[in-house]
Amino acid sequence: MAVERTTSELAERLYAGDKRALARGISMVENDDPEGWALVSEAYPRTGEAAVVGFTGPPGVGKSTLIGALVTHVRARDRQVAVLSIDPSSPFTKGALLGDRIRLAEHFLDAGVFIRSMASRGSLGGLSEATLQAALLMDAAGKDDVFIETVGVGQGEVDIIDHADTVVLVLMPGSGDSIQALKAGVMEIPDIIVVNKREHPLGDTMIREIKSVLSLGPKDGWRVPVLATEASRNEGVEELAAAMTEHREFILAEGTLAERRRRNLMNEVIALASFRLRSRLEDSVREDPEVRALLDRVVERRLDPASAARTLLERDF
């Protein structure tokens, strides 16, 4: 009962927009604290109102600077905003290496802005398994916009699709990583493409190349805009904000926002179940002598890996 009372009290503070309650709730979820999951469960019916936008792209293209400029833009319109930055994990502490973004420091004292970094915890897709839970808590706290910035891991960074209503791919001229991002596997991800640092000599060339690749895609439905920005000087930010609004209105009108969220939530359920099953399996490897003996047989070439995996799946964890 004590946990339920504490959770309810924390939830009420969360609904009231208390930053400390939101920060505590995210920390509990990130640390797999049962009270944190209870908080998400209680707050869940109050979610679904925030516009969730994911920003992805190679490292160093200016995602944080661009998001900082967008925060200024939406705050001028009196919208509450939260930023969730997914950082590479420290190999020593498993925490976020970069911490709360220095480039977003100008917004720290704004009561209408909440900024949080989370560790990717080694996730190949660049997102922590607790990311959507954190975004849900931000939503429940009354944020109108939730911006998720992922660690730049190139083509592996596809699970941003499973967390956002709108996906913005940020690229930079002259970057080898950006050229790689022109490949079809990545170009299918975004709803909006931004070429930041547009005054680079290769800026116009890159925009033409991207439009050329996009022209080979489907001709119906949403047409992905290619925008040029100079985030450090706040240039092109208003156009980007307008494109984000236009995309949201489009998917609302088409009915695809509900479809996206259904897909996202189903994928999240499967991801969480997979994560917990893997944790149980890893624990059994450390603690169960029968599992260790099974793996020893694989190492000794007396049992093939697929057969060993099948045996493990037949066990009750």
C-alpha atoms as a PDB file:
ATOM      1  CA  MET A   1       0.000   0.000   0.000  1.00  0.00           C
ATOM      2  CA  ALA A   2       2.942   2.293   0.724  1.00  0.00           C
ATOM      3  CA  VAL A   3       4.178   1.936  -2.846  1.00  0.00           C
ATOM      4  CA  GLU A   4       0.675   2.606  -4.225  1.00  0.00           C
ATOM      5  CA  ARG A   5       0.311   5.724  -2.058  1.00  0.00           C
ATOM      6  CA  THR A   6       3.763   6.979  -3.034  1.00  0.00           C
ATOM      7  CA  THR A   7       3.034   6.304  -6.710  1.00  0.00           C
ATOM      8  CA  SER A   8      -0.281   8.158  -6.562  1.00  0.00           C
ATOM      9  CA  GLU A   9       1.313  11.132  -4.843  1.00  0.00           C
ATOM     10  CA  LEU A  10       4.110  11.233  -7.405  1.00  0.00           C
ATOM     11  CA  ALA A  11       1.577  10.924 -10.228  1.00  0.00           C
ATOM     12  CA  GLU A  12      -0.403  13.911  -8.953  1.00  0.00           C
ATOM     13  CA  ARG A  13       2.760  16.003  -8.839  1.00  0.00           C
ATOM     14  CA  LEU A  14       3.594  14.785 -12.345  1.00  0.00           C
ATOM     15  CA  TYR A  15       0.179  15.819 -13.706  1.00  0.00           C
ATOM     16  CA  ALA A  16       0.693  19.247 -12.144  1.00  0.00           C
ATOM     17  CA  GLY A  17       3.864  19.703 -14.205  1.00  0.00           C
ATOM     18  CA  ASP A  18       6.329  19.271 -11.333  1.00  0.00           C
ATOM     19  CA  LYS A  19       9.773  18.943 -12.945  1.00  0.00           C
ATOM     20  CA  ARG A  20      11.241  17.076  -9.968  1.00  0.00           C
ATOM     21  CA  ALA A  21       8.444  14.506 -10.092  1.00  0.00           C
ATOM     22  CA  LEU A  22       9.006  13.993 -13.817  1.00  0.00           C
ATOM     23  CA  ALA A  23      12.766  13.631 -13.328  1.00  0.00           C
ATOM     24  CA  ARG A  24      12.265  11.146 -10.518  1.00  0.00           C
ATOM     25  CA  GLY A  25       9.786   9.114 -12.519  1.00  0.00           C
ATOM     26  CA  ILE A  26      12.148   8.857 -15.500  1.00  0.00           C
ATOM     27  CA  SER A  27      15.038   7.839 -13.235  1.00  0.00           C
ATOM     28  CA  MET A  28      12.943   5.068 -11.694  1.00  0.00           C
ATOM     29  CA  VAL A  29      11.928   3.724 -15.098  1.00  0.00           C
ATOM     30  CA  GLU A  30      15.503   3.920 -16.351  1.00  0.00           C
ATOM     31  CA  ASN A  31      16.676   1.960 -13.291  1.00  0.00           C
ATOM     32  CA  ASP A  32      13.913  -0.649 -13.740  1.00  0.00           C
ATOM     33  CA  ASP A  33      12.394   0.330 -10.390  1.00  0.00           C
ATOM     34  CA  PRO A  34       8.954  -1.301  -9.908  1.00  0.00           C
ATOM     35  CA  GLU A  35       7.615   2.007  -8.594  1.00  0.00           C
ATOM     36  CA  GLY A  36       8.603   3.636 -11.885  1.00  0.00           C
ATOM     37  CA  TRP A  37       6.655   1.096 -13.924  1.00  0.00           C
ATOM     38  CA  ALA A  38       3.712   1.537 -11.556  1.00  0.00           C
ATOM     39  CA  LEU A  39       3.869   5.271 -12.228  1.00  0.00           C
ATOM     40  CA  VAL A  40       3.807   4.706 -15.998  1.00  0.00           C
ATOM     41  CA  SER A  41       0.852   2.362 -15.573  1.00  0.00           C
ATOM     42  CA  GLU A  42      -1.071   4.944 -13.542  1.00  0.00           C
ATOM     43  CA  ALA A  43      -0.188   7.843 -15.860  1.00  0.00           C
ATOM     44  CA  TYR A  44      -0.773   5.990 -19.131  1.00  0.00           C
ATOM     45  CA  PRO A  45      -4.483   6.888 -19.544  1.00  0.00           C
ATOM     46  CA  ARG A  46      -3.459  10.569 -19.493  1.00  0.00           C
ATOM     47  CA  THR A  47      -1.062  10.227 -22.433  1.00  0.00           C
ATOM     48  CA  GLY A  48      -1.508  10.567 -26.191  1.00  0.00           C
ATOM     49  CA  GLU A  49      -1.818  14.337 -26.427  1.00  0.00           C
ATOM     50  CA  ALA A  50       1.819  15.368 -27.002  1.00  0.00           C
ATOM     51  CA  ALA A  51       3.330  15.668 -30.484  1.00  0.00           C
ATOM     52  CA  VAL A  52       6.362  13.361 -30.403  1.00  0.00           C
ATOM     53  CA  VAL A  53       9.107  14.248 -32.886  1.00  0.00           C
ATOM     54  CA  GLY A  54      12.250  12.152 -33.332  1.00  0.00           C
ATOM     55  CA  PHE A  55      15.501  13.682 -34.581  1.00  0.00           C
ATOM     56  CA  THR A  56      18.053  11.319 -36.031  1.00  0.00           C
ATOM     57  CA  GLY A  57      21.223  11.590 -38.104  1.00  0.00           C
ATOM     58  CA  PRO A  58      25.002  11.152 -37.947  1.00  0.00           C
ATOM     59  CA  PRO A  59      27.045  12.653 -35.101  1.00  0.00           C
ATOM     60  CA  GLY A  60      28.144  16.265 -35.423  1.00  0.00           C
ATOM     61  CA  VAL A  61      25.456  17.472 -37.822  1.00  0.00           C
ATOM     62  CA  GLY A  62      23.999  19.887 -35.290  1.00  0.00           C
ATOM     63  CA  LYS A  63      20.928  18.027 -34.007  1.00  0.00           C
ATOM     64  CA  SER A  64      21.211  19.519 -30.517  1.00  0.00           C
ATOM     65  CA  THR A  65      21.674  23.045 -31.850  1.00  0.00           C
ATOM     66  CA  LEU A  66      18.697  22.597 -34.154  1.00  0.00           C
ATOM     67  CA  ILE A  67      16.528  21.270 -31.332  1.00  0.00           C
ATOM     68  CA  GLY A  68      17.593  24.180 -29.133  1.00  0.00           C
ATOM     69  CA  ALA A  69      16.438  26.618 -31.818  1.00  0.00           C
ATOM     70  CA  LEU A  70      13.142  24.720 -32.180  1.00  0.00           C
ATOM     71  CA  VAL A  71      12.586  24.864 -28.420  1.00  0.00           C
ATOM     72  CA  THR A  72      12.936  28.647 -28.577  1.00  0.00           C
ATOM     73  CA  HIS A  73      10.450  28.716 -31.466  1.00  0.00           C
ATOM     74  CA  VAL A  74       7.754  26.627 -29.746  1.00  0.00           C
ATOM     75  CA  ARG A  75       8.192  28.391 -26.410  1.00  0.00           C
ATOM     76  CA  ALA A  76       7.508  31.709 -28.142  1.00  0.00           C
ATOM     77  CA  ARG A  77       4.110  30.180 -28.912  1.00  0.00           C
ATOM     78  CA  ASP A  78       3.621  29.275 -25.242  1.00  0.00           C
ATOM     79  CA  ARG A  79       3.856  25.525 -25.803  1.00  0.00           C
ATOM     80  CA  GLN A  80       5.290  23.259 -23.115  1.00  0.00           C
ATOM     81  CA  VAL A  81       8.194  21.199 -24.440  1.00  0.00           C
ATOM     82  CA  ALA A  82      10.372  18.303 -23.284  1.00  0.00           C
ATOM     83  CA  VAL A  83      13.633  17.146 -24.851  1.00  0.00           C
ATOM     84  CA  LEU A  84      14.909  13.592 -24.437  1.00  0.00           C
ATOM     85  CA  SER A  85      18.495  13.129 -25.638  1.00  0.00           C
ATOM     86  CA  ILE A  86      19.696   9.558 -26.024  1.00  0.00           C
ATOM     87  CA  ASP A  87      23.442   9.472 -25.431  1.00  0.00           C
ATOM     88  CA  PRO A  88      26.103   6.792 -25.820  1.00  0.00           C
ATOM     89  CA  SER A  89      26.518   4.818 -22.596  1.00  0.00           C
ATOM     90  CA  SER A  90      29.611   5.192 -20.491  1.00  0.00           C
ATOM     91  CA  PRO A  91      31.463   1.838 -20.526  1.00  0.00           C
ATOM     92  CA  PHE A  92      32.098   2.321 -16.802  1.00  0.00           C
ATOM     93  CA  THR A  93      28.850   3.680 -15.328  1.00  0.00           C
ATOM     94  CA  LYS A  94      26.351   2.782 -18.069  1.00  0.00           C
ATOM     95  CA  GLY A  95      25.082   6.346 -17.681  1.00  0.00           C
ATOM     96  CA  ALA A  96      24.766   9.068 -20.292  1.00  0.00           C
ATOM     97  CA  LEU A  97      28.231  10.195 -21.383  1.00  0.00           C
ATOM     98  CA  LEU A  98      27.256  13.649 -22.582  1.00  0.00           C
ATOM     99  CA  GLY A  99      24.895  14.454 -19.739  1.00  0.00           C
ATOM    100  CA  ASP A 100      22.316  17.208 -20.086  1.00  0.00           C
ATOM    101  CA  ARG A 101      23.160  18.995 -23.296  1.00  0.00           C
ATOM    102  CA  ILE A 102      25.305  22.063 -22.823  1.00  0.00           C
ATOM    103  CA  ARG A 103      23.916  23.385 -26.086  1.00  0.00           C
ATOM    104  CA  LEU A 104      20.449  23.431 -24.550  1.00  0.00           C
ATOM    105  CA  ALA A 105      21.661  25.181 -21.382  1.00  0.00           C
ATOM    106  CA  GLU A 106      19.891  28.447 -22.221  1.00  0.00           C
ATOM    107  CA  HIS A 107      16.574  26.681 -21.610  1.00  0.00           C
ATOM    108  CA  PHE A 108      17.380  25.091 -18.245  1.00  0.00           C
ATOM    109  CA  LEU A 109      15.738  27.827 -16.175  1.00  0.00           C
ATOM    110  CA  ASP A 110      12.590  27.938 -18.311  1.00  0.00           C
ATOM    111  CA  ALA A 111       9.742  26.361 -16.333  1.00  0.00           C
ATOM    112  CA  GLY A 112       8.079  25.354 -19.621  1.00  0.00           C
ATOM    113  CA  VAL A 113      11.061  23.283 -20.776  1.00  0.00           C
ATOM    114  CA  PHE A 114      12.226  19.915 -19.452  1.00  0.00           C
ATOM    115  CA  ILE A 115      15.521  18.461 -20.697  1.00  0.00           C
ATOM    116  CA  ARG A 116      16.769  14.981 -19.946  1.00  0.00           C
ATOM    117  CA  SER A 117      19.569  12.732 -21.204  1.00  0.00           C
ATOM    118  CA  MET A 118      19.289   8.952 -21.147  1.00  0.00           C
ATOM    119  CA  ALA A 119      21.902   6.323 -21.863  1.00  0.00           C
ATOM    120  CA  SER A 120      21.405   4.112 -24.895  1.00  0.00           C
ATOM    121  CA  ARG A 121      22.593   1.168 -22.755  1.00  0.00           C
ATOM    122  CA  GLY A 122      24.205  -0.436 -25.770  1.00  0.00           C
ATOM    123  CA  SER A 123      21.056  -0.530 -27.861  1.00  0.00           C
ATOM    124  CA  LEU A 124      22.082  -1.085 -31.495  1.00  0.00           C
ATOM    125  CA  GLY A 125      19.299   1.167 -32.738  1.00  0.00           C
ATOM    126  CA  GLY A 126      20.449   4.096 -30.632  1.00  0.00           C
ATOM    127  CA  LEU A 127      17.553   4.132 -28.177  1.00  0.00           C
ATOM    128  CA  SER A 128      17.236   2.851 -24.638  1.00  0.00           C
ATOM    129  CA  GLU A 129      14.436   0.368 -23.929  1.00  0.00           C
ATOM    130  CA  ALA A 130      13.039   2.914 -21.447  1.00  0.00           C
ATOM    131  CA  THR A 131      12.783   5.725 -24.005  1.00  0.00           C
ATOM    132  CA  LEU A 132       9.088   5.421 -24.813  1.00  0.00           C
ATOM    133  CA  GLN A 133       8.277   5.123 -21.112  1.00  0.00           C
ATOM    134  CA  ALA A 134      10.102   8.391 -20.469  1.00  0.00           C
ATOM    135  CA  ALA A 135       8.274  10.028 -23.375  1.00  0.00           C
ATOM    136  CA  LEU A 136       4.958   8.804 -21.939  1.00  0.00           C
ATOM    137  CA  LEU A 137       5.747  10.411 -18.584  1.00  0.00           C
ATOM    138  CA  MET A 138       6.654  13.666 -20.362  1.00  0.00           C
ATOM    139  CA  ASP A 139       3.314  13.478 -22.170  1.00  0.00           C
ATOM    140  CA  ALA A 140       1.430  12.844 -18.923  1.00  0.00           C
ATOM    141  CA  ALA A 141       3.218  15.841 -17.371  1.00  0.00           C
ATOM    142  CA  GLY A 142       1.398  18.080 -19.842  1.00  0.00           C
ATOM    143  CA  LYS A 143       4.103  18.688 -22.424  1.00  0.00           C
ATOM    144  CA  ASP A 144       2.716  19.759 -25.790  1.00  0.00           C
ATOM    145  CA  ASP A 145       5.846  18.718 -27.690  1.00  0.00           C
ATOM    146  CA  VAL A 146       8.321  15.939 -26.933  1.00  0.00           C
ATOM    147  CA  PHE A 147      11.555  16.007 -28.950  1.00  0.00           C
ATOM    148  CA  ILE A 148      13.634  12.812 -28.937  1.00  0.00           C
ATOM    149  CA  GLU A 149      17.236  13.112 -30.124  1.00  0.00           C
ATOM    150  CA  THR A 150      19.066   9.863 -30.816  1.00  0.00           C
ATOM    151  CA  VAL A 151      22.727   9.021 -30.712  1.00  0.00           C
ATOM    152  CA  GLY A 152      24.011   9.065 -34.291  1.00  0.00           C
ATOM    153  CA  VAL A 153      24.590   5.466 -35.263  1.00  0.00           C
ATOM    154  CA  GLY A 154      23.933   5.701 -38.985  1.00  0.00           C
ATOM    155  CA  GLN A 155      21.900   3.005 -40.695  1.00  0.00           C
ATOM    156  CA  GLY A 156      21.341   1.042 -37.513  1.00  0.00           C
ATOM    157  CA  GLU A 157      19.330   3.946 -36.158  1.00  0.00           C
ATOM    158  CA  VAL A 158      15.948   2.737 -37.304  1.00  0.00           C
ATOM    159  CA  ASP A 159      14.115   2.224 -34.025  1.00  0.00           C
ATOM    160  CA  ILE A 160      13.415   5.965 -33.824  1.00  0.00           C
ATOM    161  CA  ILE A 161      10.433   5.042 -36.014  1.00  0.00           C
ATOM    162  CA  ASP A 162       9.026   3.104 -33.078  1.00  0.00           C
ATOM    163  CA  HIS A 163       8.935   6.135 -30.799  1.00  0.00           C
ATOM    164  CA  ALA A 164       7.914   9.183 -32.827  1.00  0.00           C
ATOM    165  CA  ASP A 165       4.891  10.558 -34.646  1.00  0.00           C
ATOM    166  CA  THR A 166       7.187  12.542 -36.944  1.00  0.00           C
ATOM    167  CA  VAL A 167      10.799  11.647 -37.813  1.00  0.00           C
ATOM    168  CA  VAL A 168      13.287  14.327 -38.829  1.00  0.00           C
ATOM    169  CA  LEU A 169      16.567  13.224 -40.432  1.00  0.00           C
ATOM    170  CA  VAL A 170      19.327  15.813 -40.014  1.00  0.00           C
ATOM    171  CA  LEU A 171      22.302  15.713 -42.382  1.00  0.00           C
ATOM    172  CA  MET A 172      25.309  17.911 -43.056  1.00  0.00           C
ATOM    173  CA  PRO A 173      27.072  18.611 -46.371  1.00  0.00           C
ATOM    174  CA  GLY A 174      30.532  17.193 -46.827  1.00  0.00           C
ATOM    175  CA  SER A 175      30.114  14.369 -44.334  1.00  0.00           C
ATOM    176  CA  GLY A 176      30.843  10.811 -45.369  1.00  0.00           C
ATOM    177  CA  ASP A 177      28.195   9.631 -42.900  1.00  0.00           C
ATOM    178  CA  SER A 178      25.663  11.896 -44.555  1.00  0.00           C
ATOM    179  CA  ILE A 179      26.414  10.422 -47.962  1.00  0.00           C
ATOM    180  CA  GLN A 180      25.896   6.944 -46.503  1.00  0.00           C
ATOM    181  CA  ALA A 181      22.543   8.142 -45.193  1.00  0.00           C
ATOM    182  CA  LEU A 182      21.404   8.632 -48.789  1.00  0.00           C
ATOM    183  CA  LYS A 183      21.108   4.863 -49.080  1.00  0.00           C
ATOM    184  CA  ALA A 184      17.553   3.585 -49.316  1.00  0.00           C
ATOM    185  CA  GLY A 185      17.601   1.905 -45.897  1.00  0.00           C
ATOM    186  CA  VAL A 186      17.864   5.259 -44.148  1.00  0.00           C
ATOM    187  CA  MET A 187      15.991   7.395 -46.646  1.00  0.00           C
ATOM    188  CA  GLU A 188      12.837   5.391 -45.928  1.00  0.00           C
ATOM    189  CA  ILE A 189      12.851   6.492 -42.282  1.00  0.00           C
ATOM    190  CA  PRO A 190      12.244  10.263 -42.281  1.00  0.00           C
ATOM    191  CA  ASP A 191       9.132  12.350 -42.747  1.00  0.00           C
ATOM    192  CA  ILE A 192      11.272  15.483 -43.062  1.00  0.00           C
ATOM    193  CA  ILE A 193      14.894  15.836 -44.155  1.00  0.00           C
ATOM    194  CA  VAL A 194      17.023  18.755 -42.985  1.00  0.00           C
ATOM    195  CA  VAL A 195      20.382  19.738 -44.435  1.00  0.00           C
ATOM    196  CA  ASN A 196      21.954  21.756 -41.631  1.00  0.00           C
ATOM    197  CA  LYS A 197      24.920  24.128 -42.045  1.00  0.00           C
ATOM    198  CA  ARG A 198      23.480  25.068 -45.411  1.00  0.00           C
ATOM    199  CA  GLU A 199      26.168  27.630 -46.184  1.00  0.00           C
ATOM    200  CA  HIS A 200      28.659  24.810 -46.691  1.00  0.00           C
ATOM    201  CA  PRO A 201      29.954  24.860 -50.308  1.00  0.00           C
ATOM    202  CA  LEU A 202      28.441  21.426 -50.925  1.00  0.00           C
ATOM    203  CA  GLY A 203      25.050  22.324 -49.421  1.00  0.00           C
ATOM    204  CA  ASP A 204      23.165  22.871 -52.668  1.00  0.00           C
ATOM    205  CA  THR A 205      24.721  19.773 -54.221  1.00  0.00           C
ATOM    206  CA  MET A 206      23.619  17.621 -51.324  1.00  0.00           C
ATOM    207  CA  ILE A 207      20.054  18.939 -51.445  1.00  0.00           C
ATOM    208  CA  ARG A 208      19.891  18.098 -55.164  1.00  0.00           C
ATOM    209  CA  GLU A 209      21.231  14.589 -54.483  1.00  0.00           C
ATOM    210  CA  ILE A 210      18.653  13.960 -51.768  1.00  0.00           C
ATOM    211  CA  LYS A 211      15.788  15.194 -53.934  1.00  0.00           C
ATOM    212  CA  SER A 212      17.018  12.958 -56.720  1.00  0.00           C
ATOM    213  CA  VAL A 213      16.939   9.907 -54.442  1.00  0.00           C
ATOM    214  CA  LEU A 214      13.476  10.844 -53.146  1.00  0.00           C
ATOM    215  CA  SER A 215      12.140  11.218 -56.682  1.00  0.00           C
ATOM    216  CA  LEU A 216      12.606   7.458 -57.117  1.00  0.00           C
ATOM    217  CA  GLY A 217      10.213   6.735 -54.263  1.00  0.00           C
ATOM    218  CA  PRO A 218       6.400   6.544 -54.109  1.00  0.00           C
ATOM    219  CA  LYS A 219       4.515   9.437 -55.692  1.00  0.00           C
ATOM    220  CA  ASP A 220       1.450   9.250 -53.452  1.00  0.00           C
ATOM    221  CA  GLY A 221       0.979  10.059 -49.773  1.00  0.00           C
ATOM    222  CA  TRP A 222       3.234  12.389 -47.833  1.00  0.00           C
ATOM    223  CA  ARG A 223       5.949  14.014 -49.936  1.00  0.00           C
ATOM    224  CA  VAL A 224       9.096  14.309 -47.802  1.00  0.00           C
ATOM    225  CA  PRO A 225      10.300  17.935 -47.808  1.00  0.00           C
ATOM    226  CA  VAL A 226      14.024  18.700 -47.962  1.00  0.00           C
ATOM    227  CA  LEU A 227      14.832  21.812 -45.943  1.00  0.00           C
ATOM    228  CA  ALA A 228      18.008  23.827 -45.468  1.00  0.00           C
ATOM    229  CA  THR A 229      18.879  25.298 -42.073  1.00  0.00           C
ATOM    230  CA  GLU A 230      21.667  27.137 -40.313  1.00  0.00           C
ATOM    231  CA  ALA A 231      20.684  26.257 -36.746  1.00  0.00           C
ATOM    232  CA  SER A 232      23.444  28.265 -35.088  1.00  0.00           C
ATOM    233  CA  ARG A 233      21.916  31.422 -36.611  1.00  0.00           C
ATOM    234  CA  ASN A 234      18.293  30.324 -36.290  1.00  0.00           C
ATOM    235  CA  GLU A 235      17.889  30.265 -40.094  1.00  0.00           C
ATOM    236  CA  GLY A 236      15.314  27.903 -41.566  1.00  0.00           C
ATOM    237  CA  VAL A 237      13.970  26.939 -38.130  1.00  0.00           C
ATOM    238  CA  GLU A 238      10.551  28.490 -38.719  1.00  0.00           C
ATOM    239  CA  GLU A 239      10.220  26.565 -41.986  1.00  0.00           C
ATOM    240  CA  LEU A 240      11.137  23.329 -40.198  1.00  0.00           C
ATOM    241  CA  ALA A 241       8.570  23.966 -37.454  1.00  0.00           C
ATOM    242  CA  ALA A 242       5.938  24.630 -40.136  1.00  0.00           C
ATOM    243  CA  ALA A 243       6.820  21.358 -41.902  1.00  0.00           C
ATOM    244  CA  MET A 244       6.508  19.452 -38.610  1.00  0.00           C
ATOM    245  CA  THR A 245       3.061  20.964 -38.051  1.00  0.00           C
ATOM    246  CA  GLU A 246       2.045  20.214 -41.639  1.00  0.00           C
ATOM    247  CA  HIS A 247       3.123  16.589 -41.317  1.00  0.00           C
ATOM    248  CA  ARG A 248       1.185  16.146 -38.093  1.00  0.00           C
ATOM    249  CA  GLU A 249      -1.932  17.645 -39.676  1.00  0.00           C
ATOM    250  CA  PHE A 250      -1.478  15.330 -42.672  1.00  0.00           C
ATOM    251  CA  ILE A 251      -1.259  12.125 -40.630  1.00  0.00           C
ATOM    252  CA  LEU A 252      -4.186  13.239 -38.487  1.00  0.00           C
ATOM    253  CA  ALA A 253      -6.286  13.884 -41.586  1.00  0.00           C
ATOM    254  CA  GLU A 254      -5.243  10.592 -43.183  1.00  0.00           C
ATOM    255  CA  GLY A 255      -5.810   8.628 -39.995  1.00  0.00           C
ATOM    256  CA  THR A 256      -2.243   7.348 -40.016  1.00  0.00           C
ATOM    257  CA  LEU A 257      -1.277   8.898 -36.661  1.00  0.00           C
ATOM    258  CA  ALA A 258      -3.380   6.274 -34.889  1.00  0.00           C
ATOM    259  CA  GLU A 259      -1.832   3.575 -37.086  1.00  0.00           C
ATOM    260  CA  ARG A 260       1.692   4.770 -36.262  1.00  0.00           C
ATOM    261  CA  ARG A 261       0.993   4.839 -32.565  1.00  0.00           C
ATOM    262  CA  ARG A 262      -0.556   1.383 -32.683  1.00  0.00           C
ATOM    263  CA  ARG A 263       2.566   0.057 -34.439  1.00  0.00           C
ATOM    264  CA  ASN A 264       4.858   1.911 -32.020  1.00  0.00           C
ATOM    265  CA  LEU A 265       3.106   0.591 -28.944  1.00  0.00           C
ATOM    266  CA  MET A 266       2.966  -2.977 -30.254  1.00  0.00           C
ATOM    267  CA  ASN A 267       6.684  -2.839 -31.020  1.00  0.00           C
ATOM    268  CA  GLU A 268       7.338  -1.411 -27.560  1.00  0.00           C
ATOM    269  CA  VAL A 269       5.465  -4.274 -25.891  1.00  0.00           C
ATOM    270  CA  ILE A 270       7.493  -6.820 -27.871  1.00  0.00           C
ATOM    271  CA  ALA A 271      10.764  -4.966 -27.176  1.00  0.00           C
ATOM    272  CA  LEU A 272      10.124  -4.830 -23.437  1.00  0.00           C
ATOM    273  CA  ALA A 273       9.140  -8.501 -23.345  1.00  0.00           C
ATOM    274  CA  SER A 274      12.283  -9.413 -25.316  1.00  0.00           C
ATOM    275  CA  PHE A 275      14.461  -7.313 -23.009  1.00  0.00           C
ATOM    276  CA  ARG A 276      13.071  -8.959 -19.898  1.00  0.00           C
ATOM    277  CA  LEU A 277      13.320 -12.449 -21.358  1.00  0.00           C
ATOM    278  CA  ARG A 278      16.940 -11.753 -22.257  1.00  0.00           C
ATOM    279  CA  SER A 279      17.629 -10.540 -18.718  1.00  0.00           C
ATOM    280  CA  ARG A 280      16.120 -13.736 -17.309  1.00  0.00           C
ATOM    281  CA  LEU A 281      18.181 -15.805 -19.736  1.00  0.00           C
ATOM    282  CA  GLU A 282      21.402 -13.999 -18.790  1.00  0.00           C
ATOM    283  CA  ASP A 283      20.634 -14.530 -15.108  1.00  0.00           C
ATOM    284  CA  SER A 284      20.070 -18.229 -15.722  1.00  0.00           C
ATOM    285  CA  VAL A 285      23.422 -18.496 -17.528  1.00  0.00           C
ATOM    286  CA  ARG A 286      25.132 -17.102 -14.447  1.00  0.00           C
ATOM    287  CA  GLU A 287      23.136 -19.078 -11.889  1.00  0.00           C
ATOM    288  CA  ASP A 288      21.858 -22.294 -13.497  1.00  0.00           C
ATOM    289  CA  PRO A 289      24.445 -25.107 -13.757  1.00  0.00           C
ATOM    290  CA  GLU A 290      22.326 -26.904 -16.385  1.00  0.00           C
ATOM    291  CA  VAL A 291      22.449 -23.864 -18.681  1.00  0.00           C
ATOM    292  CA  ARG A 292      26.202 -23.500 -18.187  1.00  0.00           C
ATOM    293  CA  ALA A 293      26.631 -27.188 -18.966  1.00  0.00           C
ATOM    294  CA  LEU A 294      24.532 -26.730 -22.133  1.00  0.00           C
ATOM    295  CA  LEU A 295      26.760 -23.856 -23.278  1.00  0.00           C
ATOM    296  CA  ASP A 296      29.862 -25.866 -22.441  1.00  0.00           C
ATOM    297  CA  ARG A 297      28.652 -28.549 -24.862  1.00  0.00           C
ATOM    298  CA  VAL A 298      28.402 -25.860 -27.588  1.00  0.00           C
ATOM    299  CA  VAL A 299      31.939 -24.653 -26.856  1.00  0.00           C
ATOM    300  CA  GLU A 300      33.194 -28.240 -26.997  1.00  0.00           C
ATOM    301  CA  ARG A 301      31.486 -28.687 -30.396  1.00  0.00           C
ATOM    302  CA  ARG A 302      29.251 -31.464 -29.029  1.00  0.00           C
ATOM    303  CA  LEU A 303      26.071 -29.441 -29.635  1.00  0.00           C
ATOM    304  CA  ASP A 304      25.347 -26.852 -32.332  1.00  0.00           C
ATOM    305  CA  PRO A 305      24.208 -23.310 -31.315  1.00  0.00           C
ATOM    306  CA  ALA A 306      20.758 -23.601 -32.951  1.00  0.00           C
ATOM    307  CA  SER A 307      19.954 -26.797 -31.049  1.00  0.00           C
ATOM    308  CA  ALA A 308      21.172 -25.207 -27.820  1.00  0.00           C
ATOM    309  CA  ALA A 309      18.977 -22.174 -28.426  1.00  0.00           C
ATOM    310  CA  ARG A 310      15.977 -24.423 -29.074  1.00  0.00           C
ATOM    311  CA  THR A 311      16.627 -26.215 -25.787  1.00  0.00           C
ATOM    312  CA  LEU A 312      16.798 -22.897 -23.944  1.00  0.00           C
ATOM    313  CA  LEU A 313      13.534 -21.705 -25.491  1.00  0.00           C
ATOM    314  CA  GLU A 314      11.812 -24.852 -24.265  1.00  0.00           C
ATOM    315  CA  ARG A 315      12.800 -24.065 -20.665  1.00  0.00           C
ATOM    316  CA  ASP A 316      10.564 -22.134 -18.294  1.00  0.00           C
ATOM    317  CA  PHE A 317      12.334 -18.966 -17.217  1.00  0.00           C
END
